[in-house]
Amino acid sequence: YSVSLVGPAPWGFRLQGGKDFNVPLSISRLNDGGKAARAHVGIGDVVLTIDGISTDGMTHLEAQNKIKACTGNLNMTLQR
Protein backbone atom coordinates (compact mmCIF):
# COMPACT_ATOMS: atom_id res chain seq x y z
CA TYR A 1 0.00 0.00 0.00
CA SER A 2 1.08 3.60 -0.58
CA VAL A 3 1.21 6.32 2.03
CA SER A 4 1.84 10.05 1.64
CA LEU A 5 2.81 12.01 4.75
CA VAL A 6 2.14 15.70 4.09
CA GLY A 7 4.00 18.59 5.67
CA PRO A 8 7.53 18.86 7.03
CA ALA A 9 9.28 16.37 9.34
CA PRO A 10 8.96 14.95 11.99
CA TRP A 11 7.17 12.04 10.34
CA GLY A 12 6.60 10.14 13.58
CA PHE A 13 8.23 6.77 12.93
CA ARG A 14 11.50 4.90 13.41
CA LEU A 15 13.16 2.64 10.85
CA GLN A 16 14.98 -0.62 11.46
CA GLY A 17 16.95 -2.90 9.16
CA GLY A 18 18.61 -2.27 5.83
CA LYS A 19 21.09 -4.02 3.57
CA ASP A 20 23.87 -3.58 6.14
CA PHE A 21 21.79 -5.59 8.68
CA ASN A 22 20.64 -8.22 6.12
CA VAL A 23 17.04 -7.44 7.15
CA PRO A 24 14.42 -5.59 5.09
CA LEU A 25 13.79 -1.96 6.07
CA SER A 26 10.72 -1.79 8.28
CA ILE A 27 8.87 0.46 10.72
CA SER A 28 10.06 -0.24 14.28
CA ARG A 29 8.25 2.46 16.25
CA LEU A 30 5.43 5.00 15.87
CA ASN A 31 4.95 8.21 17.82
CA ASP A 32 1.45 8.55 19.27
CA GLY A 33 -0.52 11.03 17.17
CA GLY A 34 2.37 11.37 14.68
CA LYS A 35 1.87 11.71 10.93
CA ALA A 36 2.70 8.04 10.28
CA ALA A 37 0.26 6.83 12.96
CA ARG A 38 -2.50 9.09 11.57
CA ALA A 39 -1.83 7.58 8.10
CA HIS A 40 -2.39 4.08 9.60
CA VAL A 41 1.22 2.96 9.11
CA GLY A 42 1.84 -0.17 11.19
CA ILE A 43 4.79 -1.36 13.26
CA GLY A 44 6.55 -4.10 11.31
CA ASP A 45 5.40 -2.81 7.90
CA VAL A 46 8.18 -3.30 5.33
CA VAL A 47 9.31 -0.19 3.43
CA LEU A 48 9.46 -1.05 -0.30
CA THR A 49 10.05 2.43 -1.77
CA ILE A 50 10.91 5.90 -0.49
CA ASP A 51 9.87 8.71 -2.84
CA GLY A 52 9.57 6.21 -5.71
CA ILE A 53 13.05 4.72 -5.20
CA SER A 54 13.28 1.04 -4.30
CA THR A 55 14.79 0.34 -0.88
CA ASP A 56 16.13 -2.99 -2.17
CA GLY A 57 19.86 -2.80 -1.46
CA MET A 58 19.64 0.42 0.61
CA THR A 59 21.61 0.60 3.84
CA HIS A 60 19.97 1.95 6.98
CA LEU A 61 21.84 5.26 6.65
CA GLU A 62 20.97 5.63 2.94
CA ALA A 63 17.28 5.16 3.77
CA GLN A 64 17.47 7.68 6.63
CA ASN A 65 19.16 10.22 4.36
CA LYS A 66 16.57 9.64 1.61
CA ILE A 67 13.78 10.29 4.14
CA LYS A 68 15.55 13.39 5.51
CA ALA A 69 15.87 14.74 1.96
CA CYS A 70 12.05 14.70 1.61
CA THR A 71 10.84 18.17 2.49
CA GLY A 72 7.17 19.04 2.21
CA ASN A 73 5.92 15.47 1.96
CA LEU A 74 7.12 11.89 2.16
CA ASN A 75 5.79 9.19 -0.17
CA MET A 76 6.41 5.54 0.64
CA THR A 77 5.20 2.15 -0.52
CA LEU A 78 4.81 -0.26 2.38
CA GLN A 79 3.87 -3.91 2.76
CA ARG A 80 1.97 -5.27 5.77
C-alpha atoms as a PDB file:
ATOM      1  CA  TYR A   1       0.000   0.000   0.000  1.00  0.00           C
ATOM      2  CA  SER A   2       1.084   3.599  -0.575  1.00  0.00           C
ATOM      3  CA  VAL A   3       1.208   6.318   2.027  1.00  0.00           C
ATOM      4  CA  SER A   4       1.837  10.048   1.640  1.00  0.00           C
ATOM      5  CA  LEU A   5       2.811  12.008   4.754  1.00  0.00           C
ATOM      6  CA  VAL A   6       2.143  15.698   4.088  1.00  0.00           C
ATOM      7  CA  GLY A   7       3.998  18.586   5.669  1.00  0.00           C
ATOM      8  CA  PRO A   8       7.534  18.856   7.028  1.00  0.00           C
ATOM      9  CA  ALA A   9       9.282  16.369   9.340  1.00  0.00           C
ATOM     10  CA  PRO A  10       8.959  14.948  11.991  1.00  0.00           C
ATOM     11  CA  TRP A  11       7.165  12.038  10.335  1.00  0.00           C
ATOM     12  CA  GLY A  12       6.597  10.141  13.576  1.00  0.00           C
ATOM     13  CA  PHE A  13       8.233   6.773  12.933  1.00  0.00           C
ATOM     14  CA  ARG A  14      11.504   4.899  13.410  1.00  0.00           C
ATOM     15  CA  LEU A  15      13.157   2.640  10.854  1.00  0.00           C
ATOM     16  CA  GLN A  16      14.983  -0.616  11.464  1.00  0.00           C
ATOM     17  CA  GLY A  17      16.951  -2.900   9.165  1.00  0.00           C
ATOM     18  CA  GLY A  18      18.608  -2.275   5.835  1.00  0.00           C
ATOM     19  CA  LYS A  19      21.088  -4.021   3.565  1.00  0.00           C
ATOM     20  CA  ASP A  20      23.867  -3.580   6.141  1.00  0.00           C
ATOM     21  CA  PHE A  21      21.793  -5.594   8.680  1.00  0.00           C
ATOM     22  CA  ASN A  22      20.635  -8.216   6.125  1.00  0.00           C
ATOM     23  CA  VAL A  23      17.045  -7.441   7.154  1.00  0.00           C
ATOM     24  CA  PRO A  24      14.417  -5.593   5.094  1.00  0.00           C
ATOM     25  CA  LEU A  25      13.787  -1.961   6.068  1.00  0.00           C
ATOM     26  CA  SER A  26      10.718  -1.785   8.277  1.00  0.00           C
ATOM     27  CA  ILE A  27       8.874   0.458  10.723  1.00  0.00           C
ATOM     28  CA  SER A  28      10.062  -0.241  14.279  1.00  0.00           C
ATOM     29  CA  ARG A  29       8.251   2.461  16.248  1.00  0.00           C
ATOM     30  CA  LEU A  30       5.434   5.003  15.872  1.00  0.00           C
ATOM     31  CA  ASN A  31       4.946   8.210  17.825  1.00  0.00           C
ATOM     32  CA  ASP A  32       1.446   8.550  19.274  1.00  0.00           C
ATOM     33  CA  GLY A  33      -0.515  11.026  17.172  1.00  0.00           C
ATOM     34  CA  GLY A  34       2.372  11.370  14.681  1.00  0.00           C
ATOM     35  CA  LYS A  35       1.871  11.715  10.935  1.00  0.00           C
ATOM     36  CA  ALA A  36       2.700   8.038  10.283  1.00  0.00           C
ATOM     37  CA  ALA A  37       0.261   6.827  12.959  1.00  0.00           C
ATOM     38  CA  ARG A  38      -2.500   9.087  11.571  1.00  0.00           C
ATOM     39  CA  ALA A  39      -1.832   7.584   8.103  1.00  0.00           C
ATOM     40  CA  HIS A  40      -2.394   4.075   9.596  1.00  0.00           C
ATOM     41  CA  VAL A  41       1.224   2.955   9.112  1.00  0.00           C
ATOM     42  CA  GLY A  42       1.837  -0.169  11.192  1.00  0.00           C
ATOM     43  CA  ILE A  43       4.787  -1.360  13.256  1.00  0.00           C
ATOM     44  CA  GLY A  44       6.545  -4.102  11.309  1.00  0.00           C
ATOM     45  CA  ASP A  45       5.396  -2.812   7.901  1.00  0.00           C
ATOM     46  CA  VAL A  46       8.179  -3.297   5.330  1.00  0.00           C
ATOM     47  CA  VAL A  47       9.315  -0.186   3.432  1.00  0.00           C
ATOM     48  CA  LEU A  48       9.459  -1.055  -0.303  1.00  0.00           C
ATOM     49  CA  THR A  49      10.049   2.428  -1.769  1.00  0.00           C
ATOM     50  CA  ILE A  50      10.912   5.903  -0.490  1.00  0.00           C
ATOM     51  CA  ASP A  51       9.873   8.710  -2.842  1.00  0.00           C
ATOM     52  CA  GLY A  52       9.566   6.214  -5.706  1.00  0.00           C
ATOM     53  CA  ILE A  53      13.048   4.716  -5.200  1.00  0.00           C
ATOM     54  CA  SER A  54      13.284   1.037  -4.301  1.00  0.00           C
ATOM     55  CA  THR A  55      14.789   0.336  -0.878  1.00  0.00           C
ATOM     56  CA  ASP A  56      16.135  -2.988  -2.174  1.00  0.00           C
ATOM     57  CA  GLY A  57      19.863  -2.799  -1.460  1.00  0.00           C
ATOM     58  CA  MET A  58      19.644   0.416   0.612  1.00  0.00           C
ATOM     59  CA  THR A  59      21.611   0.604   3.836  1.00  0.00           C
ATOM     60  CA  HIS A  60      19.970   1.950   6.980  1.00  0.00           C
ATOM     61  CA  LEU A  61      21.836   5.259   6.648  1.00  0.00           C
ATOM     62  CA  GLU A  62      20.972   5.629   2.938  1.00  0.00           C
ATOM     63  CA  ALA A  63      17.282   5.162   3.772  1.00  0.00           C
ATOM     64  CA  GLN A  64      17.468   7.679   6.627  1.00  0.00           C
ATOM     65  CA  ASN A  65      19.160  10.220   4.362  1.00  0.00           C
ATOM     66  CA  LYS A  66      16.569   9.637   1.613  1.00  0.00           C
ATOM     67  CA  ILE A  67      13.781  10.291   4.136  1.00  0.00           C
ATOM     68  CA  LYS A  68      15.552  13.390   5.514  1.00  0.00           C
ATOM     69  CA  ALA A  69      15.868  14.740   1.958  1.00  0.00           C
ATOM     70  CA  CYS A  70      12.053  14.701   1.609  1.00  0.00           C
ATOM     71  CA  THR A  71      10.844  18.174   2.489  1.00  0.00           C
ATOM     72  CA  GLY A  72       7.174  19.038   2.214  1.00  0.00           C
ATOM     73  CA  ASN A  73       5.925  15.471   1.961  1.00  0.00           C
ATOM     74  CA  LEU A  74       7.122  11.888   2.163  1.00  0.00           C
ATOM     75  CA  ASN A  75       5.790   9.186  -0.169  1.00  0.00           C
ATOM     76  CA  MET A  76       6.410   5.542   0.644  1.00  0.00           C
ATOM     77  CA  THR A  77       5.197   2.155  -0.521  1.00  0.00           C
ATOM     78  CA  LEU A  78       4.808  -0.261   2.382  1.00  0.00           C
ATOM     79  CA  GLN A  79       3.867  -3.914   2.761  1.00  0.00           C
ATOM     80  CA  ARG A  80       1.969  -5.274   5.767  1.00  0.00           C
END
